Protein backbone atom coordinates (compact mmCIF):
# COMPACT_ATOMS: atom_id res chain seq x y z
CA MET A 1 85.75 77.76 126.75
CA GLN A 2 88.19 80.64 126.59
CA GLN A 3 91.91 79.84 126.81
CA PHE A 4 94.22 82.12 128.77
CA SER A 5 97.92 82.25 128.11
CA GLU A 6 100.70 83.37 130.39
CA ARG A 7 101.25 87.09 129.80
CA ARG A 8 104.47 87.50 131.74
CA ARG A 9 107.46 88.52 129.69
CA TYR A 10 109.99 87.28 132.24
CA PRO A 11 110.30 83.82 133.79
CA ARG A 12 109.72 83.60 137.53
CA VAL A 13 111.38 81.30 140.02
CA ASN A 14 109.75 80.26 143.26
CA THR A 15 112.26 81.13 145.93
CA SER A 16 112.38 82.09 149.59
CA LEU A 17 115.07 84.72 150.04
CA PRO A 18 115.57 87.26 152.84
CA LEU A 19 114.08 90.59 151.81
CA ARG A 20 113.75 93.95 153.50
CA PHE A 21 111.41 96.68 152.34
CA LYS A 22 110.80 100.29 153.24
CA LYS A 23 107.59 102.00 152.26
CA LEU A 24 108.25 105.34 150.60
CA TYR A 25 105.91 108.32 150.68
CA GLY A 26 102.66 108.46 152.57
CA ASP A 27 101.98 109.15 156.22
CA THR A 28 103.59 106.06 157.70
CA TYR A 29 107.22 104.97 157.57
CA VAL A 30 107.45 101.18 157.43
CA ASN A 31 110.64 99.13 157.55
CA LYS A 32 110.00 95.36 157.40
CA ASN A 33 112.02 92.17 157.12
CA THR A 34 110.36 89.32 155.24
CA VAL A 35 110.98 86.76 152.48
CA THR A 36 110.36 86.50 148.77
CA LYS A 37 107.82 84.07 147.34
CA ASN A 38 109.03 84.36 143.75
CA LEU A 39 111.38 86.52 141.71
CA SER A 40 111.71 87.65 138.10
CA GLU A 41 113.82 90.19 136.25
CA ASN A 42 110.83 92.52 136.35
CA GLY A 43 109.60 92.13 139.93
CA VAL A 44 109.13 90.15 143.10
CA LYS A 45 106.29 88.61 145.08
CA LEU A 46 106.77 88.89 148.82
CA LYS A 47 104.99 88.02 152.01
CA SER A 48 104.12 90.77 154.49
CA ASP A 49 102.42 90.98 157.87
CA TYR A 50 101.77 94.65 157.14
CA PRO A 51 99.07 95.77 154.68
CA VAL A 52 100.48 97.92 151.88
CA SER A 53 98.26 99.86 149.48
CA LEU A 54 98.22 99.39 145.72
CA ASN A 55 100.66 101.66 143.88
CA SER A 56 102.76 102.18 147.01
CA ARG A 57 106.45 102.66 146.30
CA LEU A 58 108.79 100.31 148.14
CA PHE A 59 112.55 100.36 148.43
CA ILE A 60 113.53 96.69 148.36
CA GLU A 61 116.73 94.90 149.35
CA ILE A 62 116.99 91.20 148.44
CA ASN A 63 119.77 88.98 149.75
CA LEU A 64 120.70 86.59 146.95
CA PRO A 65 123.08 83.71 147.71
CA ILE A 66 125.28 84.56 144.69
CA THR A 67 126.40 87.95 146.02
CA GLN A 68 127.48 89.39 149.36
CA LYS A 69 125.68 92.72 149.05
CA PRO A 70 121.92 92.99 148.73
CA VAL A 71 120.29 93.73 145.40
CA ARG A 72 118.41 97.02 145.67
CA ALA A 73 115.42 98.22 143.68
CA LEU A 74 112.60 100.72 143.77
CA SER A 75 109.29 98.96 143.18
CA ARG A 76 105.57 99.62 142.87
CA VAL A 77 102.94 97.38 144.48
CA VAL A 78 100.78 96.17 141.57
CA TRP A 79 98.57 93.76 143.51
CA VAL A 80 97.79 92.77 147.11
CA LYS A 81 96.29 89.48 148.27
CA LYS A 82 95.06 88.95 151.86
CA LEU A 83 95.96 85.44 152.99
CA LEU A 84 93.45 83.32 154.91
CA ALA A 85 95.78 82.52 157.80
CA GLY A 86 96.58 85.32 160.22
CA ASN A 87 97.24 88.91 159.32
CA ASN A 88 99.40 88.14 156.29
CA TYR A 89 99.48 89.43 152.75
CA GLU A 90 101.20 88.67 149.48
CA LEU A 91 102.38 91.69 147.52
CA GLY A 92 103.18 91.70 143.82
CA ASN A 93 105.85 94.27 143.03
CA GLU A 94 107.09 95.61 139.72
CA PHE A 95 110.64 96.97 139.63
CA LEU A 96 110.62 100.64 138.63
CA SER A 97 114.32 101.27 139.05
CA ILE A 98 117.24 98.89 139.54
CA LYS A 99 120.95 99.41 138.92
CA GLU A 100 122.26 97.57 135.88
CA GLU A 101 124.71 95.54 137.97
CA ASP A 102 121.89 94.44 140.30
CA ALA A 103 119.67 93.57 137.32
CA VAL A 104 122.45 91.34 135.97
CA ILE A 105 122.74 89.58 139.35
CA VAL A 106 118.98 88.94 139.43
CA SER A 107 119.06 87.67 135.83
CA ASP A 108 121.98 85.32 136.56
CA TYR A 109 120.26 83.99 139.68
CA ILE A 110 117.06 83.26 137.75
CA LYS A 111 118.89 81.60 134.84
CA ASN A 112 120.79 79.36 137.28
CA SER A 113 117.58 78.50 139.15
CA ILE A 114 115.44 77.44 136.18
C-alpha cells in the first residue's frame, strides 16, 4: 500500500470567519459575502453559493478577530468542490499577492489558533 504524506508547507487552521470576495476578470462581476472553512499563510478555503471556475482571480477580504480592518489578498482558485447539499461549493484559494502587514496578521492568527 502506498503511503501519502501531507504536502502542504503551511499549517492550516479550521476557522469560520467572515469573508468577502470579488471575482476579477471574465464576463461576470461577482461580489459575495461568505465564510472561511480554513486558513493558512498561503491560502484559504471558503464556502460559496456561486460556482467559480478554476484559475479565477478573486480579491478577498477576511475579517480576523485580531484586527479591526480586513486582511486583503489577491488569490487564484486552485480547486472547486461541489457540495452534496444545495447549490454550494468549496473553493481552495492560493494567495498570489498580500501586503506584508496583512501576511503578518494572518501568520499571528494561525500561530495563536494552533
